Amino acid sequence: MEQTGFPLYRRSSNGLNWYRVDSPTEFMEVQRVGKRYVVHRVEAVIYPEKARVMALIAMDDGHVHACPAQEVEALLSTAE
């Protein structure tokens, strides 16, 4: 199995959500709501959350794509 270097940066295909995956069990989501940005910190404990993290890492469902780290980090700093 190939080692994954964290953090990983993702963007939803609709352009409303950005993700920083920090580990196989943790990620941060920046969600655009109107003109505001909301940050969610998720620690995957239950199966649906763990499955979501694995989908973000694999990018095999077509709903998320890799994006530049600067894009996500800039949004995190403005939203927090």
N, C-alpha and C. Protein backbone atom coordinates (compact mmCIF):
# COMPACT_ATOMS: atom_id res chain seq x y z
N MET A 1 0.84 -1.19 0.00
CA MET A 1 0.00 0.00 0.00
C MET A 1 0.88 1.25 0.00
N GLU A 2 0.52 2.20 -0.78
CA GLU A 2 1.28 3.43 -0.92
C GLU A 2 1.04 4.35 0.27
N GLN A 3 2.12 4.98 0.78
CA GLN A 3 2.00 5.91 1.89
C GLN A 3 1.41 7.23 1.40
N THR A 4 0.51 7.79 2.18
CA THR A 4 -0.12 9.06 1.84
C THR A 4 0.47 10.15 2.71
N GLY A 5 0.97 11.23 2.10
CA GLY A 5 1.51 12.35 2.86
C GLY A 5 0.40 13.32 3.22
N PHE A 6 0.26 13.58 4.49
CA PHE A 6 -0.77 14.51 4.95
C PHE A 6 -0.14 15.84 5.26
N PRO A 7 -0.85 16.93 5.16
CA PRO A 7 -2.26 17.06 4.81
C PRO A 7 -2.48 16.97 3.31
N LEU A 8 -3.70 16.57 2.96
CA LEU A 8 -4.17 16.52 1.57
C LEU A 8 -5.22 17.61 1.39
N TYR A 9 -5.27 18.21 0.22
CA TYR A 9 -6.20 19.31 -0.03
C TYR A 9 -7.16 18.94 -1.15
N ARG A 10 -8.44 19.17 -0.90
CA ARG A 10 -9.48 18.80 -1.86
C ARG A 10 -10.49 19.94 -2.00
N ARG A 11 -11.18 19.95 -3.13
CA ARG A 11 -12.26 20.91 -3.40
C ARG A 11 -13.42 20.12 -4.00
N SER A 12 -14.64 20.46 -3.60
CA SER A 12 -15.81 19.78 -4.17
C SER A 12 -16.00 20.22 -5.61
N SER A 13 -16.62 19.37 -6.39
CA SER A 13 -16.80 19.69 -7.81
C SER A 13 -17.75 20.87 -8.01
N ASN A 14 -18.63 21.15 -7.03
CA ASN A 14 -19.53 22.30 -7.17
C ASN A 14 -18.89 23.60 -6.69
N GLY A 15 -17.69 23.54 -6.12
CA GLY A 15 -16.95 24.73 -5.72
C GLY A 15 -17.45 25.39 -4.45
N LEU A 16 -18.20 24.69 -3.63
CA LEU A 16 -18.73 25.27 -2.39
C LEU A 16 -18.06 24.75 -1.13
N ASN A 17 -17.22 23.72 -1.27
CA ASN A 17 -16.58 23.11 -0.11
C ASN A 17 -15.11 22.84 -0.41
N TRP A 18 -14.26 23.09 0.59
CA TRP A 18 -12.84 22.80 0.50
C TRP A 18 -12.47 21.97 1.71
N TYR A 19 -11.50 21.09 1.56
CA TYR A 19 -11.14 20.17 2.63
C TYR A 19 -9.63 20.12 2.82
N ARG A 20 -9.22 20.03 4.09
CA ARG A 20 -7.84 19.71 4.43
C ARG A 20 -7.90 18.42 5.23
N VAL A 21 -7.41 17.35 4.66
CA VAL A 21 -7.41 16.05 5.32
C VAL A 21 -6.09 15.94 6.07
N ASP A 22 -6.17 15.91 7.41
CA ASP A 22 -4.96 15.90 8.24
C ASP A 22 -4.47 14.50 8.58
N SER A 23 -5.36 13.53 8.55
CA SER A 23 -5.00 12.14 8.85
C SER A 23 -6.13 11.24 8.36
N PRO A 24 -5.98 9.93 8.47
CA PRO A 24 -7.07 9.05 8.05
C PRO A 24 -8.32 9.17 8.91
N THR A 25 -8.24 9.93 10.00
CA THR A 25 -9.41 10.07 10.87
C THR A 25 -9.79 11.52 11.16
N GLU A 26 -9.14 12.49 10.54
CA GLU A 26 -9.44 13.91 10.81
C GLU A 26 -9.40 14.74 9.53
N PHE A 27 -10.35 15.67 9.44
CA PHE A 27 -10.30 16.63 8.35
C PHE A 27 -11.00 17.92 8.77
N MET A 28 -10.68 18.98 8.05
CA MET A 28 -11.34 20.27 8.23
C MET A 28 -12.04 20.60 6.92
N GLU A 29 -13.24 21.13 7.04
CA GLU A 29 -14.02 21.51 5.87
C GLU A 29 -14.32 23.00 5.94
N VAL A 30 -14.11 23.70 4.85
CA VAL A 30 -14.52 25.09 4.73
C VAL A 30 -15.72 25.08 3.79
N GLN A 31 -16.84 25.58 4.28
CA GLN A 31 -18.08 25.56 3.50
C GLN A 31 -18.52 26.99 3.22
N ARG A 32 -18.78 27.28 1.96
CA ARG A 32 -19.28 28.61 1.61
C ARG A 32 -20.79 28.62 1.79
N VAL A 33 -21.26 29.57 2.62
CA VAL A 33 -22.69 29.74 2.88
C VAL A 33 -23.01 31.20 2.57
N GLY A 34 -23.61 31.43 1.43
CA GLY A 34 -23.85 32.81 0.99
C GLY A 34 -22.52 33.50 0.75
N LYS A 35 -22.27 34.60 1.46
CA LYS A 35 -21.01 35.32 1.33
C LYS A 35 -20.02 34.95 2.44
N ARG A 36 -20.45 34.09 3.34
CA ARG A 36 -19.62 33.69 4.48
C ARG A 36 -18.97 32.34 4.25
N TYR A 37 -17.94 32.08 5.03
CA TYR A 37 -17.26 30.79 5.03
C TYR A 37 -17.31 30.23 6.45
N VAL A 38 -17.70 28.96 6.56
CA VAL A 38 -17.84 28.30 7.85
C VAL A 38 -16.85 27.14 7.89
N VAL A 39 -16.15 27.00 9.02
CA VAL A 39 -15.17 25.92 9.16
C VAL A 39 -15.74 24.84 10.07
N HIS A 40 -15.63 23.58 9.63
CA HIS A 40 -16.05 22.43 10.42
C HIS A 40 -14.82 21.56 10.65
N ARG A 41 -14.58 21.20 11.90
CA ARG A 41 -13.52 20.25 12.23
C ARG A 41 -14.17 18.91 12.52
N VAL A 42 -13.72 17.86 11.85
CA VAL A 42 -14.35 16.55 12.00
C VAL A 42 -13.29 15.54 12.42
N GLU A 43 -13.56 14.84 13.51
CA GLU A 43 -12.76 13.70 13.92
C GLU A 43 -13.62 12.47 13.67
N ALA A 44 -13.21 11.65 12.73
CA ALA A 44 -14.01 10.50 12.32
C ALA A 44 -13.97 9.42 13.40
N VAL A 45 -15.14 9.19 14.00
CA VAL A 45 -15.27 8.18 15.05
C VAL A 45 -16.20 7.07 14.57
N ILE A 46 -17.30 7.45 13.98
CA ILE A 46 -18.27 6.45 13.51
C ILE A 46 -18.04 6.16 12.02
N TYR A 47 -18.58 5.05 11.57
CA TYR A 47 -18.31 4.56 10.21
C TYR A 47 -18.60 5.58 9.11
N PRO A 48 -19.75 6.27 9.09
CA PRO A 48 -19.99 7.21 7.98
C PRO A 48 -18.93 8.31 7.88
N GLU A 49 -18.43 8.78 9.02
CA GLU A 49 -17.37 9.79 9.00
C GLU A 49 -16.07 9.20 8.46
N LYS A 50 -15.75 7.98 8.88
CA LYS A 50 -14.53 7.33 8.39
C LYS A 50 -14.62 7.08 6.88
N ALA A 51 -15.81 6.68 6.42
CA ALA A 51 -16.00 6.47 4.99
C ALA A 51 -15.83 7.77 4.22
N ARG A 52 -16.29 8.88 4.78
CA ARG A 52 -16.14 10.20 4.13
C ARG A 52 -14.68 10.57 4.00
N VAL A 53 -13.89 10.34 5.05
CA VAL A 53 -12.46 10.64 4.99
C VAL A 53 -11.78 9.79 3.92
N MET A 54 -12.12 8.52 3.87
CA MET A 54 -11.51 7.64 2.87
C MET A 54 -11.90 8.06 1.46
N ALA A 55 -13.13 8.54 1.27
CA ALA A 55 -13.55 9.04 -0.05
C ALA A 55 -12.79 10.30 -0.42
N LEU A 56 -12.52 11.17 0.56
CA LEU A 56 -11.73 12.38 0.29
C LEU A 56 -10.30 12.02 -0.11
N ILE A 57 -9.75 11.02 0.56
CA ILE A 57 -8.38 10.61 0.25
C ILE A 57 -8.32 9.98 -1.14
N ALA A 58 -9.24 9.08 -1.43
CA ALA A 58 -9.21 8.33 -2.70
C ALA A 58 -9.65 9.14 -3.91
N MET A 59 -10.53 10.11 -3.73
CA MET A 59 -11.07 10.93 -4.82
C MET A 59 -11.65 10.07 -5.95
N ASP A 60 -12.29 8.97 -5.62
CA ASP A 60 -12.77 8.07 -6.65
C ASP A 60 -14.26 8.21 -6.97
N ASP A 61 -14.95 9.11 -6.27
CA ASP A 61 -16.39 9.26 -6.54
C ASP A 61 -16.72 10.39 -7.49
N GLY A 62 -15.74 11.16 -7.91
CA GLY A 62 -15.97 12.25 -8.85
C GLY A 62 -16.53 13.52 -8.24
N HIS A 63 -16.74 13.52 -6.93
CA HIS A 63 -17.32 14.70 -6.28
C HIS A 63 -16.27 15.64 -5.69
N VAL A 64 -15.04 15.16 -5.56
CA VAL A 64 -13.96 16.02 -5.07
C VAL A 64 -12.74 15.88 -5.97
N HIS A 65 -11.95 16.95 -5.99
CA HIS A 65 -10.74 17.00 -6.81
C HIS A 65 -9.63 17.61 -5.98
N ALA A 66 -8.41 17.30 -6.32
CA ALA A 66 -7.26 17.90 -5.64
C ALA A 66 -7.22 19.39 -5.94
N CYS A 67 -6.73 20.15 -4.99
CA CYS A 67 -6.58 21.59 -5.22
C CYS A 67 -5.31 22.06 -4.51
N PRO A 68 -4.82 23.26 -4.83
CA PRO A 68 -3.59 23.76 -4.22
C PRO A 68 -3.76 24.02 -2.72
N ALA A 69 -2.72 23.74 -1.97
CA ALA A 69 -2.74 23.96 -0.53
C ALA A 69 -3.03 25.42 -0.19
N GLN A 70 -2.47 26.35 -0.97
CA GLN A 70 -2.64 27.78 -0.71
C GLN A 70 -4.11 28.18 -0.75
N GLU A 71 -4.87 27.57 -1.64
CA GLU A 71 -6.29 27.90 -1.78
C GLU A 71 -7.06 27.57 -0.50
N VAL A 72 -6.84 26.38 0.04
CA VAL A 72 -7.53 25.95 1.25
C VAL A 72 -7.03 26.72 2.46
N GLU A 73 -5.71 26.86 2.59
CA GLU A 73 -5.16 27.55 3.75
C GLU A 73 -5.60 29.02 3.80
N ALA A 74 -5.71 29.67 2.65
CA ALA A 74 -6.17 31.06 2.62
C ALA A 74 -7.62 31.15 3.11
N LEU A 75 -8.45 30.21 2.69
CA LEU A 75 -9.84 30.19 3.15
C LEU A 75 -9.94 29.89 4.65
N LEU A 76 -9.11 28.98 5.13
CA LEU A 76 -9.10 28.67 6.56
C LEU A 76 -8.72 29.89 7.39
N SER A 77 -7.72 30.63 6.93
CA SER A 77 -7.29 31.80 7.70
C SER A 77 -8.32 32.93 7.67
N THR A 78 -9.07 33.09 6.58
CA THR A 78 -10.10 34.13 6.53
C THR A 78 -11.33 33.72 7.31
N ALA A 79 -11.65 32.45 7.32
CA ALA A 79 -12.86 31.99 7.99
C ALA A 79 -12.70 31.91 9.50
N GLU A 80 -11.49 31.69 9.99
CA GLU A 80 -11.29 31.53 11.44
C GLU A 80 -11.07 32.84 12.13
